[in-house]
Amino acid sequence: MTRTMPDGLKTEGTEQRKAEALSAAKQDAVLKLLEFRFDDVPVSVTDQVRTIHDHTRLDNLYEDVWNTDSLDKIDFHIRSG
């Protein structure tokens, strides 16, 4: 007999994968814009962006990158709350 996962768990796993994929896409967009705007992006900045998974924070970070003229003016750290 084949065991299957209960529908609730399947849905939960699917939603989690979608959220992770969206986070990765938003991280990629921020990093691509950074490369476009500032050419040489430090590995430390890339690593910090990759640790951010909050979609709103990533959207705000994208806007920050778009609107600034210097990497030094951008807060890449994770904010709590």
PDB file of N, CA and C in Angstrom:
ATOM      1  N   MET A   1       0.837  -1.169   0.000  1.00  0.00           N
ATOM      2  CA  MET A   1       0.000   0.000   0.000  1.00  0.00           C
ATOM      3  C   MET A   1       0.889   1.243   0.000  1.00  0.00           C
ATOM      4  N   THR A   2       0.532   2.225  -0.790  1.00  0.00           N
ATOM      5  CA  THR A   2       1.272   3.474  -0.878  1.00  0.00           C
ATOM      6  C   THR A   2       0.740   4.469   0.141  1.00  0.00           C
ATOM      7  N   ARG A   3       1.650   5.056   0.888  1.00  0.00           N
ATOM      8  CA  ARG A   3       1.248   6.082   1.842  1.00  0.00           C
ATOM      9  C   ARG A   3       1.334   7.439   1.171  1.00  0.00           C
ATOM     10  N   THR A   4       0.368   8.250   1.451  1.00  0.00           N
ATOM     11  CA  THR A   4       0.384   9.602   0.909  1.00  0.00           C
ATOM     12  C   THR A   4       0.342  10.600   2.045  1.00  0.00           C
ATOM     13  N   MET A   5       0.817  11.777   1.754  1.00  0.00           N
ATOM     14  CA  MET A   5       0.837  12.844   2.734  1.00  0.00           C
ATOM     15  C   MET A   5      -0.566  13.444   2.833  1.00  0.00           C
ATOM     16  N   PRO A   6      -1.017  13.754   4.030  1.00  0.00           N
ATOM     17  CA  PRO A   6      -2.319  14.417   4.156  1.00  0.00           C
ATOM     18  C   PRO A   6      -2.339  15.723   3.373  1.00  0.00           C
ATOM     19  N   ASP A   7      -3.506  16.062   2.848  1.00  0.00           N
ATOM     20  CA  ASP A   7      -3.635  17.258   2.007  1.00  0.00           C
ATOM     21  C   ASP A   7      -3.129  18.522   2.696  1.00  0.00           C
ATOM     22  N   GLY A   8      -3.368  18.677   3.968  1.00  0.00           N
ATOM     23  CA  GLY A   8      -2.917  19.863   4.690  1.00  0.00           C
ATOM     24  C   GLY A   8      -1.410  20.000   4.672  1.00  0.00           C
ATOM     25  N   LEU A   9      -0.716  18.882   4.828  1.00  0.00           N
ATOM     26  CA  LEU A   9       0.744  18.922   4.805  1.00  0.00           C
ATOM     27  C   LEU A   9       1.267  19.201   3.402  1.00  0.00           C
ATOM     28  N   LYS A  10       0.599  18.644   2.401  1.00  0.00           N
ATOM     29  CA  LYS A  10       0.999  18.919   1.018  1.00  0.00           C
ATOM     30  C   LYS A  10       0.880  20.410   0.718  1.00  0.00           C
ATOM     31  N   THR A  11      -0.249  20.983   1.101  1.00  0.00           N
ATOM     32  CA  THR A  11      -0.478  22.404   0.854  1.00  0.00           C
ATOM     33  C   THR A  11       0.533  23.254   1.595  1.00  0.00           C
ATOM     34  N   GLU A  12       0.799  22.902   2.840  1.00  0.00           N
ATOM     35  CA  GLU A  12       1.772  23.648   3.638  1.00  0.00           C
ATOM     36  C   GLU A  12       3.152  23.604   2.992  1.00  0.00           C
ATOM     37  N   GLY A  13       3.556  22.436   2.533  1.00  0.00           N
ATOM     38  CA  GLY A  13       4.852  22.296   1.864  1.00  0.00           C
ATOM     39  C   GLY A  13       4.916  23.071   0.563  1.00  0.00           C
ATOM     40  N   THR A  14       3.823  23.056  -0.179  1.00  0.00           N
ATOM     41  CA  THR A  14       3.763  23.792  -1.440  1.00  0.00           C
ATOM     42  C   THR A  14       3.855  25.290  -1.187  1.00  0.00           C
ATOM     43  N   GLU A  15       3.133  25.771  -0.194  1.00  0.00           N
ATOM     44  CA  GLU A  15       3.173  27.196   0.133  1.00  0.00           C
ATOM     45  C   GLU A  15       4.573  27.609   0.593  1.00  0.00           C
ATOM     46  N   GLN A  16       5.221  26.761   1.363  1.00  0.00           N
ATOM     47  CA  GLN A  16       6.576  27.050   1.834  1.00  0.00           C
ATOM     48  C   GLN A  16       7.543  27.135   0.653  1.00  0.00           C
ATOM     49  N   ARG A  17       7.425  26.214  -0.283  1.00  0.00           N
ATOM     50  CA  ARG A  17       8.293  26.235  -1.469  1.00  0.00           C
ATOM     51  C   ARG A  17       8.045  27.485  -2.310  1.00  0.00           C
ATOM     52  N   LYS A  18       6.780  27.895  -2.436  1.00  0.00           N
ATOM     53  CA  LYS A  18       6.460  29.115  -3.180  1.00  0.00           C
ATOM     54  C   LYS A  18       7.070  30.337  -2.504  1.00  0.00           C
ATOM     55  N   ALA A  19       6.970  30.398  -1.181  1.00  0.00           N
ATOM     56  CA  ALA A  19       7.535  31.536  -0.432  1.00  0.00           C
ATOM     57  C   ALA A  19       9.048  31.577  -0.583  1.00  0.00           C
ATOM     58  N   GLU A  20       9.685  30.414  -0.526  1.00  0.00           N
ATOM     59  CA  GLU A  20      11.138  30.346  -0.689  1.00  0.00           C
ATOM     60  C   GLU A  20      11.550  30.769  -2.092  1.00  0.00           C
ATOM     61  N   ALA A  21      10.779  30.339  -3.092  1.00  0.00           N
ATOM     62  CA  ALA A  21      11.087  30.707  -4.473  1.00  0.00           C
ATOM     63  C   ALA A  21      10.915  32.212  -4.684  1.00  0.00           C
ATOM     64  N   LEU A  22       9.884  32.785  -4.080  1.00  0.00           N
ATOM     65  CA  LEU A  22       9.673  34.221  -4.199  1.00  0.00           C
ATOM     66  C   LEU A  22      10.793  34.992  -3.507  1.00  0.00           C
ATOM     67  N   SER A  23      11.220  34.528  -2.348  1.00  0.00           N
ATOM     68  CA  SER A  23      12.347  35.163  -1.653  1.00  0.00           C
ATOM     69  C   SER A  23      13.595  35.132  -2.525  1.00  0.00           C
ATOM     70  N   ALA A  24      13.877  33.983  -3.098  1.00  0.00           N
ATOM     71  CA  ALA A  24      15.067  33.849  -3.943  1.00  0.00           C
ATOM     72  C   ALA A  24      14.982  34.773  -5.158  1.00  0.00           C
ATOM     73  N   ALA A  25      13.804  34.889  -5.757  1.00  0.00           N
ATOM     74  CA  ALA A  25      13.630  35.764  -6.917  1.00  0.00           C
ATOM     75  C   ALA A  25      13.835  37.227  -6.524  1.00  0.00           C
ATOM     76  N   LYS A  26      13.325  37.619  -5.370  1.00  0.00           N
ATOM     77  CA  LYS A  26      13.491  38.996  -4.909  1.00  0.00           C
ATOM     78  C   LYS A  26      14.949  39.274  -4.548  1.00  0.00           C
ATOM     79  N   GLN A  27      15.616  38.301  -3.938  1.00  0.00           N
ATOM     80  CA  GLN A  27      17.041  38.451  -3.644  1.00  0.00           C
ATOM     81  C   GLN A  27      17.818  38.636  -4.948  1.00  0.00           C
ATOM     82  N   ASP A  28      17.508  37.811  -5.947  1.00  0.00           N
ATOM     83  CA  ASP A  28      18.179  37.909  -7.246  1.00  0.00           C
ATOM     84  C   ASP A  28      17.965  39.282  -7.881  1.00  0.00           C
ATOM     85  N   ALA A  29      16.747  39.807  -7.761  1.00  0.00           N
ATOM     86  CA  ALA A  29      16.449  41.127  -8.342  1.00  0.00           C
ATOM     87  C   ALA A  29      17.270  42.218  -7.659  1.00  0.00           C
ATOM     88  N   VAL A  30      17.347  42.159  -6.335  1.00  0.00           N
ATOM     89  CA  VAL A  30      18.142  43.149  -5.594  1.00  0.00           C
ATOM     90  C   VAL A  30      19.608  43.056  -6.016  1.00  0.00           C
ATOM     91  N   LEU A  31      20.131  41.844  -6.081  1.00  0.00           N
ATOM     92  CA  LEU A  31      21.537  41.662  -6.442  1.00  0.00           C
ATOM     93  C   LEU A  31      21.819  42.103  -7.878  1.00  0.00           C
ATOM     94  N   LYS A  32      20.909  41.823  -8.775  1.00  0.00           N
ATOM     95  CA  LYS A  32      21.085  42.235 -10.171  1.00  0.00           C
ATOM     96  C   LYS A  32      21.088  43.761 -10.280  1.00  0.00           C
ATOM     97  N   LEU A  33      20.192  44.415  -9.549  1.00  0.00           N
ATOM     98  CA  LEU A  33      20.162  45.872  -9.561  1.00  0.00           C
ATOM     99  C   LEU A  33      21.437  46.446  -8.939  1.00  0.00           C
ATOM    100  N   LEU A  34      21.915  45.833  -7.877  1.00  0.00           N
ATOM    101  CA  LEU A  34      23.175  46.267  -7.272  1.00  0.00           C
ATOM    102  C   LEU A  34      24.318  46.195  -8.283  1.00  0.00           C
ATOM    103  N   GLU A  35      24.397  45.084  -9.005  1.00  0.00           N
ATOM    104  CA  GLU A  35      25.446  44.924 -10.008  1.00  0.00           C
ATOM    105  C   GLU A  35      25.309  45.968 -11.111  1.00  0.00           C
ATOM    106  N   PHE A  36      24.089  46.239 -11.517  1.00  0.00           N
ATOM    107  CA  PHE A  36      23.847  47.228 -12.560  1.00  0.00           C
ATOM    108  C   PHE A  36      24.244  48.627 -12.101  1.00  0.00           C
ATOM    109  N   ARG A  37      23.870  48.970 -10.879  1.00  0.00           N
ATOM    110  CA  ARG A  37      24.122  50.321 -10.359  1.00  0.00           C
ATOM    111  C   ARG A  37      25.570  50.545  -9.934  1.00  0.00           C
ATOM    112  N   PHE A  38      26.204  49.503  -9.339  1.00  0.00           N
ATOM    113  CA  PHE A  38      27.496  49.728  -8.686  1.00  0.00           C
ATOM    114  C   PHE A  38      28.617  48.816  -9.181  1.00  0.00           C
ATOM    115  N   ASP A  39      28.402  48.078 -10.243  1.00  0.00           N
ATOM    116  CA  ASP A  39      29.405  47.210 -10.863  1.00  0.00           C
ATOM    117  C   ASP A  39      29.945  46.135  -9.922  1.00  0.00           C
ATOM    118  N   ASP A  40      30.847  46.506  -9.039  1.00  0.00           N
ATOM    119  CA  ASP A  40      31.520  45.523  -8.189  1.00  0.00           C
ATOM    120  C   ASP A  40      30.853  45.482  -6.813  1.00  0.00           C
ATOM    121  N   VAL A  41      30.060  44.447  -6.581  1.00  0.00           N
ATOM    122  CA  VAL A  41      29.341  44.310  -5.311  1.00  0.00           C
ATOM    123  C   VAL A  41      30.139  43.376  -4.402  1.00  0.00           C
ATOM    124  N   PRO A  42      30.490  43.842  -3.210  1.00  0.00           N
ATOM    125  CA  PRO A  42      31.258  42.997  -2.285  1.00  0.00           C
ATOM    126  C   PRO A  42      30.506  41.707  -1.923  1.00  0.00           C
ATOM    127  N   VAL A  43      31.257  40.665  -1.724  1.00  0.00           N
ATOM    128  CA  VAL A  43      30.686  39.380  -1.328  1.00  0.00           C
ATOM    129  C   VAL A  43      29.899  39.513  -0.026  1.00  0.00           C
ATOM    130  N   SER A  44      30.370  40.360   0.867  1.00  0.00           N
ATOM    131  CA  SER A  44      29.664  40.545   2.139  1.00  0.00           C
ATOM    132  C   SER A  44      28.256  41.089   1.920  1.00  0.00           C
ATOM    133  N   VAL A  45      28.089  41.955   0.935  1.00  0.00           N
ATOM    134  CA  VAL A  45      26.762  42.497   0.623  1.00  0.00           C
ATOM    135  C   VAL A  45      25.884  41.391   0.034  1.00  0.00           C
ATOM    136  N   THR A  46      26.446  40.631  -0.886  1.00  0.00           N
ATOM    137  CA  THR A  46      25.703  39.512  -1.471  1.00  0.00           C
ATOM    138  C   THR A  46      25.251  38.543  -0.383  1.00  0.00           C
ATOM    139  N   ASP A  47      26.143  38.219   0.518  1.00  0.00           N
ATOM    140  CA  ASP A  47      25.803  37.300   1.609  1.00  0.00           C
ATOM    141  C   ASP A  47      24.689  37.859   2.488  1.00  0.00           C
ATOM    142  N   GLN A  48      24.745  39.157   2.773  1.00  0.00           N
ATOM    143  CA  GLN A  48      23.710  39.768   3.604  1.00  0.00           C
ATOM    144  C   GLN A  48      22.353  39.742   2.901  1.00  0.00           C
ATOM    145  N   VAL A  49      22.328  40.044   1.618  1.00  0.00           N
ATOM    146  CA  VAL A  49      21.068  40.007   0.874  1.00  0.00           C
ATOM    147  C   VAL A  49      20.497  38.593   0.888  1.00  0.00           C
ATOM    148  N   ARG A  50      21.344  37.596   0.746  1.00  0.00           N
ATOM    149  CA  ARG A  50      20.884  36.198   0.721  1.00  0.00           C
ATOM    150  C   ARG A  50      20.309  35.735   2.060  1.00  0.00           C
ATOM    151  N   THR A  51      20.578  36.458   3.143  1.00  0.00           N
ATOM    152  CA  THR A  51      20.012  36.064   4.440  1.00  0.00           C
ATOM    153  C   THR A  51      18.637  36.687   4.688  1.00  0.00           C
ATOM    154  N   ILE A  52      18.223  37.602   3.825  1.00  0.00           N
ATOM    155  CA  ILE A  52      16.927  38.266   3.999  1.00  0.00           C
ATOM    156  C   ILE A  52      15.858  37.466   3.261  1.00  0.00           C
ATOM    157  N   HIS A  53      14.818  37.084   3.988  1.00  0.00           N
ATOM    158  CA  HIS A  53      13.736  36.292   3.395  1.00  0.00           C
ATOM    159  C   HIS A  53      12.381  36.986   3.491  1.00  0.00           C
ATOM    160  N   ASP A  54      12.326  38.071   4.238  1.00  0.00           N
ATOM    161  CA  ASP A  54      11.079  38.824   4.373  1.00  0.00           C
ATOM    162  C   ASP A  54      10.808  39.573   3.068  1.00  0.00           C
ATOM    163  N   HIS A  55       9.657  39.303   2.460  1.00  0.00           N
ATOM    164  CA  HIS A  55       9.350  39.868   1.144  1.00  0.00           C
ATOM    165  C   HIS A  55       9.237  41.388   1.169  1.00  0.00           C
ATOM    166  N   THR A  56       8.637  41.916   2.204  1.00  0.00           N
ATOM    167  CA  THR A  56       8.510  43.373   2.312  1.00  0.00           C
ATOM    168  C   THR A  56       9.885  44.016   2.465  1.00  0.00           C
ATOM    169  N   ARG A  57      10.724  43.413   3.278  1.00  0.00           N
ATOM    170  CA  ARG A  57      12.089  43.939   3.473  1.00  0.00           C
ATOM    171  C   ARG A  57      12.858  43.914   2.159  1.00  0.00           C
ATOM    172  N   LEU A  58      12.712  42.852   1.382  1.00  0.00           N
ATOM    173  CA  LEU A  58      13.398  42.767   0.097  1.00  0.00           C
ATOM    174  C   LEU A  58      12.863  43.811  -0.882  1.00  0.00           C
ATOM    175  N   ASP A  59      11.551  44.044  -0.879  1.00  0.00           N
ATOM    176  CA  ASP A  59      10.978  45.080  -1.736  1.00  0.00           C
ATOM    177  C   ASP A  59      11.533  46.456  -1.357  1.00  0.00           C
ATOM    178  N   ASN A  60      11.586  46.730  -0.057  1.00  0.00           N
ATOM    179  CA  ASN A  60      12.122  48.005   0.419  1.00  0.00           C
ATOM    180  C   ASN A  60      13.597  48.153   0.078  1.00  0.00           C
ATOM    181  N   LEU A  61      14.330  47.068   0.197  1.00  0.00           N
ATOM    182  CA  LEU A  61      15.751  47.088  -0.131  1.00  0.00           C
ATOM    183  C   LEU A  61      15.953  47.380  -1.619  1.00  0.00           C
ATOM    184  N   TYR A  62      15.118  46.799  -2.468  1.00  0.00           N
ATOM    185  CA  TYR A  62      15.184  47.068  -3.906  1.00  0.00           C
ATOM    186  C   TYR A  62      15.003  48.560  -4.172  1.00  0.00           C
ATOM    187  N   GLU A  63      14.005  49.152  -3.515  1.00  0.00           N
ATOM    188  CA  GLU A  63      13.764  50.585  -3.680  1.00  0.00           C
ATOM    189  C   GLU A  63      14.935  51.409  -3.160  1.00  0.00           C
ATOM    190  N   ASP A  64      15.520  50.985  -2.043  1.00  0.00           N
ATOM    191  CA  ASP A  64      16.684  51.686  -1.508  1.00  0.00           C
ATOM    192  C   ASP A  64      17.841  51.675  -2.505  1.00  0.00           C
ATOM    193  N   VAL A  65      18.082  50.517  -3.095  1.00  0.00           N
ATOM    194  CA  VAL A  65      19.165  50.394  -4.079  1.00  0.00           C
ATOM    195  C   VAL A  65      18.866  51.286  -5.281  1.00  0.00           C
ATOM    196  N   TRP A  66      17.636  51.293  -5.704  1.00  0.00           N
ATOM    197  CA  TRP A  66      17.235  52.101  -6.866  1.00  0.00           C
ATOM    198  C   TRP A  66      17.458  53.595  -6.610  1.00  0.00           C
ATOM    199  N   ASN A  67      17.176  54.019  -5.382  1.00  0.00           N
ATOM    200  CA  ASN A  67      17.156  55.451  -5.079  1.00  0.00           C
ATOM    201  C   ASN A  67      18.450  56.024  -4.508  1.00  0.00           C
ATOM    202  N   THR A  68      19.453  55.217  -4.302  1.00  0.00           N
ATOM    203  CA  THR A  68      20.671  55.735  -3.680  1.00  0.00           C
ATOM    204  C   THR A  68      21.797  55.886  -4.704  1.00  0.00           C
ATOM    205  N   ASP A  69      22.792  56.658  -4.315  1.00  0.00           N
ATOM    206  CA  ASP A  69      23.954  56.836  -5.182  1.00  0.00           C
ATOM    207  C   ASP A  69      25.212  56.199  -4.598  1.00  0.00           C
ATOM    208  N   SER A  70      25.039  55.483  -3.469  1.00  0.00           N
ATOM    209  CA  SER A  70      26.204  54.879  -2.820  1.00  0.00           C
ATOM    210  C   SER A  70      25.806  53.633  -2.034  1.00  0.00           C
ATOM    211  N   LEU A  71      26.619  52.599  -2.143  1.00  0.00           N
ATOM    212  CA  LEU A  71      26.384  51.381  -1.347  1.00  0.00           C
ATOM    213  C   LEU A  71      26.433  51.675   0.149  1.00  0.00           C
ATOM    214  N   ASP A  72      27.226  52.651   0.527  1.00  0.00           N
ATOM    215  CA  ASP A  72      27.388  52.991   1.942  1.00  0.00           C
ATOM    216  C   ASP A  72      26.097  53.521   2.575  1.00  0.00           C
ATOM    217  N   LYS A  73      25.167  53.979   1.763  1.00  0.00           N
ATOM    218  CA  LYS A  73      23.931  54.541   2.282  1.00  0.00           C
ATOM    219  C   LYS A  73      22.820  53.490   2.458  1.00  0.00           C
ATOM    220  N   ILE A  74      23.093  52.250   2.121  1.00  0.00           N
ATOM    221  CA  ILE A  74      22.078  51.192   2.160  1.00  0.00           C
ATOM    222  C   ILE A  74      22.292  50.319   3.398  1.00  0.00           C
ATOM    223  N   ASP A  75      21.211  50.070   4.121  1.00  0.00           N
ATOM    224  CA  ASP A  75      21.246  49.177   5.281  1.00  0.00           C
ATOM    225  C   ASP A  75      20.850  47.770   4.822  1.00  0.00           C
ATOM    226  N   PHE A  76      21.841  46.884   4.708  1.00  0.00           N
ATOM    227  CA  PHE A  76      21.592  45.528   4.251  1.00  0.00           C
ATOM    228  C   PHE A  76      21.305  44.556   5.382  1.00  0.00           C
ATOM    229  N   HIS A  77      21.387  45.012   6.603  1.00  0.00           N
ATOM    230  CA  HIS A  77      21.200  44.114   7.744  1.00  0.00           C
ATOM    231  C   HIS A  77      19.736  43.759   7.930  1.00  0.00           C
ATOM    232  N   ILE A  78      19.523  42.594   8.474  1.00  0.00           N
ATOM    233  CA  ILE A  78      18.168  42.131   8.768  1.00  0.00           C
ATOM    234  C   ILE A  78      17.609  42.960   9.917  1.00  0.00           C
ATOM    235  N   ARG A  79      16.418  43.410   9.731  1.00  0.00           N
ATOM    236  CA  ARG A  79      15.722  44.155  10.790  1.00  0.00           C
ATOM    237  C   ARG A  79      14.740  43.228  11.464  1.00  0.00           C
ATOM    238  N   SER A  80      14.681  43.298  12.759  1.00  0.00           N
ATOM    239  CA  SER A  80      13.719  42.463  13.474  1.00  0.00           C
ATOM    240  C   SER A  80      12.422  43.236  13.622  1.00  0.00           C
ATOM    241  N   GLY A  81      11.341  42.469  13.759  1.00  0.00           N
ATOM    242  CA  GLY A  81      10.061  43.108  14.029  1.00  0.00           C
ATOM    243  C   GLY A  81       9.198  43.246  12.898  1.00  0.00           C
TER     244      GLY A  81
END
